[in-house]
Amino acid sequence: MRPMIRLSFASAIALALTAGCAKKDAATTDTQTSAGAVATTPAPAPTALQVADIGLGKKLEAGNHVTNEATAYGTRDTIYAAVHTTGTGQNASLTARWTFQDGQVVNERTETISPTGDAYTEFHISAPKGWPVGKYTLHVLLNGTEVQTKEFDVKK
């Protein structure tokens, strides 16, 4: 009888060690149901990349956040835009297209981004000889599709 107890005890130890060393899938979460059973559910999928907002101002601080937000600028001001994105994306194209009131494109620049959460991308324009007075629009495009605009004025 003794050898059978040793075999059962050894089997129980081996089984416990094997169960304790089993690797869990990183994309699942265990939850306990009302009946006491453990249910496995998939982890939430990453959120798709999107433009949350645009900050427009006269200066930038660390992290590409706009300071001195404004909607009116002088003819010789440098105008900064901080495009705030949320979500996850790989090699996404983020474009800032600046236009004058007549539709003329003043400047356009595209950045390739691969954020994994909140991110800020900086764009800016300047005109050493001065901006014409009038109304301007910043068009922000994500992967070629316009997603937001921001209007501003240049005044004397």
Protein backbone atom coordinates (compact mmCIF):
# COMPACT_ATOMS: atom_id res chain seq x y z
CA MET A 1 0.00 0.00 0.00
CA ARG A 2 2.84 2.33 0.71
CA PRO A 3 4.20 2.36 -2.87
CA MET A 4 0.75 3.33 -4.16
CA ILE A 5 0.58 6.32 -1.79
CA ARG A 6 4.01 7.50 -2.97
CA LEU A 7 2.94 7.19 -6.58
CA SER A 8 -0.28 9.11 -5.93
CA PHE A 9 1.55 11.78 -3.93
CA ALA A 10 4.23 12.11 -6.62
CA SER A 11 1.58 12.28 -9.32
CA ALA A 12 -0.28 15.01 -7.42
CA ILE A 13 2.94 17.05 -7.00
CA ALA A 14 3.79 16.68 -10.69
CA LEU A 15 0.26 17.68 -11.69
CA ALA A 16 0.31 20.73 -9.41
CA LEU A 17 3.69 21.85 -10.76
CA THR A 18 2.56 21.42 -14.36
CA ALA A 19 -0.64 23.41 -13.76
CA GLY A 20 1.25 26.16 -11.94
CA CYS A 21 3.75 26.54 -14.75
CA ALA A 22 1.16 26.67 -17.52
CA LYS A 23 1.56 29.87 -19.54
CA LYS A 24 -1.54 32.05 -19.97
CA ASP A 25 -2.36 33.77 -23.24
CA ALA A 26 -1.41 37.46 -22.91
CA ALA A 27 -4.49 38.51 -24.88
CA THR A 28 -6.99 37.03 -22.40
CA THR A 29 -8.34 38.02 -19.03
CA ASP A 30 -9.79 35.65 -16.42
CA THR A 31 -12.97 36.71 -14.66
CA GLN A 32 -15.08 34.88 -12.16
CA THR A 33 -18.72 34.28 -13.09
CA SER A 34 -21.60 34.41 -10.64
CA ALA A 35 -21.59 30.61 -10.54
CA GLY A 36 -17.98 30.71 -9.37
CA ALA A 37 -16.48 29.41 -12.61
CA VAL A 38 -13.59 31.26 -14.23
CA ALA A 39 -14.36 32.60 -17.70
CA THR A 40 -11.71 33.79 -20.15
CA THR A 41 -12.50 36.87 -22.23
CA PRO A 42 -10.35 38.51 -24.90
CA ALA A 43 -8.47 41.69 -23.97
CA PRO A 44 -9.92 44.87 -25.50
CA ALA A 45 -8.70 45.67 -29.01
CA PRO A 46 -6.60 48.81 -29.51
CA THR A 47 -8.56 51.92 -30.44
CA ALA A 48 -8.23 53.09 -34.05
CA LEU A 49 -6.14 56.19 -34.64
CA GLN A 50 -8.12 59.43 -34.75
CA VAL A 51 -7.58 63.18 -34.46
CA ALA A 52 -8.97 64.37 -31.11
CA ASP A 53 -8.34 68.10 -31.49
CA ILE A 54 -6.11 70.81 -32.87
CA GLY A 55 -4.37 73.44 -30.77
CA LEU A 56 -3.48 76.61 -32.66
CA GLY A 57 -1.23 79.21 -31.08
CA LYS A 58 1.83 81.42 -31.04
CA LYS A 59 4.20 79.14 -29.11
CA LEU A 60 4.85 75.49 -28.30
CA GLU A 61 5.97 73.97 -25.02
CA ALA A 62 7.63 70.62 -24.39
CA GLY A 63 5.63 67.71 -25.74
CA ASN A 64 4.33 69.81 -28.66
CA HIS A 65 1.53 71.41 -26.66
CA VAL A 66 0.43 74.85 -27.84
CA THR A 67 0.76 77.79 -25.48
CA ASN A 68 -0.85 81.16 -26.13
CA GLU A 69 -3.78 79.68 -28.08
CA ALA A 70 -5.20 82.23 -30.48
CA THR A 71 -7.52 82.70 -33.44
CA ALA A 72 -5.97 86.00 -34.59
CA TYR A 73 -2.33 86.58 -35.55
CA GLY A 74 -0.11 89.41 -36.72
CA THR A 75 1.31 89.51 -40.23
CA ARG A 76 4.77 88.39 -39.05
CA ASP A 77 3.72 85.76 -36.48
CA THR A 78 4.76 82.13 -36.69
CA ILE A 79 1.59 80.06 -36.34
CA TYR A 80 1.88 76.71 -34.57
CA ALA A 81 -0.52 73.78 -34.67
CA ALA A 82 -0.42 70.83 -32.28
CA VAL A 83 -2.51 67.98 -33.66
CA HIS A 84 -3.62 65.71 -30.82
CA THR A 85 -4.20 62.11 -31.87
CA THR A 86 -5.54 59.21 -29.82
CA GLY A 87 -5.48 55.50 -30.47
CA THR A 88 -3.01 53.29 -32.26
CA GLY A 89 -1.74 53.38 -35.82
CA GLN A 90 1.24 52.17 -37.82
CA ASN A 91 2.85 54.46 -40.41
CA ALA A 92 -0.19 56.73 -40.61
CA SER A 93 0.12 59.94 -42.59
CA LEU A 94 -0.91 63.14 -40.82
CA THR A 95 -1.10 66.20 -43.06
CA ALA A 96 -1.45 69.89 -42.24
CA ARG A 97 -2.71 71.89 -45.20
CA TRP A 98 -2.84 75.65 -44.62
CA THR A 99 -5.07 77.64 -47.01
CA PHE A 100 -5.84 81.32 -47.59
CA GLN A 101 -9.42 82.60 -47.88
CA ASP A 102 -9.39 82.22 -51.69
CA GLY A 103 -8.52 78.49 -51.37
CA GLN A 104 -4.86 78.94 -52.29
CA VAL A 105 -2.63 76.44 -50.46
CA VAL A 106 -0.12 78.44 -48.41
CA ASN A 107 1.78 75.41 -47.07
CA GLU A 108 1.35 71.65 -46.78
CA ARG A 109 3.40 69.15 -44.81
CA THR A 110 2.87 65.46 -44.05
CA GLU A 111 4.34 63.52 -41.13
CA THR A 112 4.38 59.74 -40.80
CA ILE A 113 3.34 58.74 -37.28
CA SER A 114 2.99 55.44 -35.39
CA PRO A 115 1.41 56.35 -32.04
CA THR A 116 0.27 53.86 -29.39
CA GLY A 117 -1.90 56.29 -27.43
CA ASP A 118 -2.16 60.05 -26.97
CA ALA A 119 0.33 61.91 -29.14
CA TYR A 120 0.90 65.47 -30.35
CA THR A 121 2.37 66.30 -33.76
CA GLU A 122 3.68 69.80 -34.41
CA PHE A 123 3.20 71.82 -37.59
CA HIS A 124 3.96 75.50 -38.15
CA ILE A 125 4.06 78.18 -40.79
CA SER A 126 5.86 81.49 -41.03
CA ALA A 127 6.23 84.23 -43.63
CA PRO A 128 9.37 86.34 -43.18
CA LYS A 129 7.93 89.01 -45.51
CA GLY A 130 4.56 88.87 -43.70
CA TRP A 131 1.21 87.18 -44.17
CA PRO A 132 -1.49 88.84 -46.25
CA VAL A 133 -4.31 90.03 -44.01
CA GLY A 134 -7.37 87.78 -44.22
CA LYS A 135 -8.95 84.50 -43.21
CA TYR A 136 -7.03 81.22 -43.19
CA THR A 137 -7.95 77.58 -42.56
CA LEU A 138 -5.83 74.71 -41.33
CA HIS A 139 -7.07 71.42 -42.80
CA VAL A 140 -5.87 68.28 -41.01
CA LEU A 141 -5.91 65.04 -42.98
CA LEU A 142 -5.41 61.55 -41.59
CA ASN A 143 -4.33 59.03 -44.22
CA GLY A 144 -5.52 61.39 -46.96
CA THR A 145 -8.97 62.08 -45.52
CA GLU A 146 -9.80 65.49 -44.05
CA VAL A 147 -10.83 64.96 -40.42
CA GLN A 148 -10.77 68.44 -38.85
CA THR A 149 -10.31 72.10 -39.70
CA LYS A 150 -9.39 75.16 -37.68
CA GLU A 151 -9.98 78.73 -38.87
CA PHE A 152 -7.92 81.78 -37.92
CA ASP A 153 -7.38 85.37 -39.03
CA VAL A 154 -4.30 87.42 -39.82
CA LYS A 155 -4.75 91.07 -38.88
CA LYS A 156 -2.55 94.17 -38.96
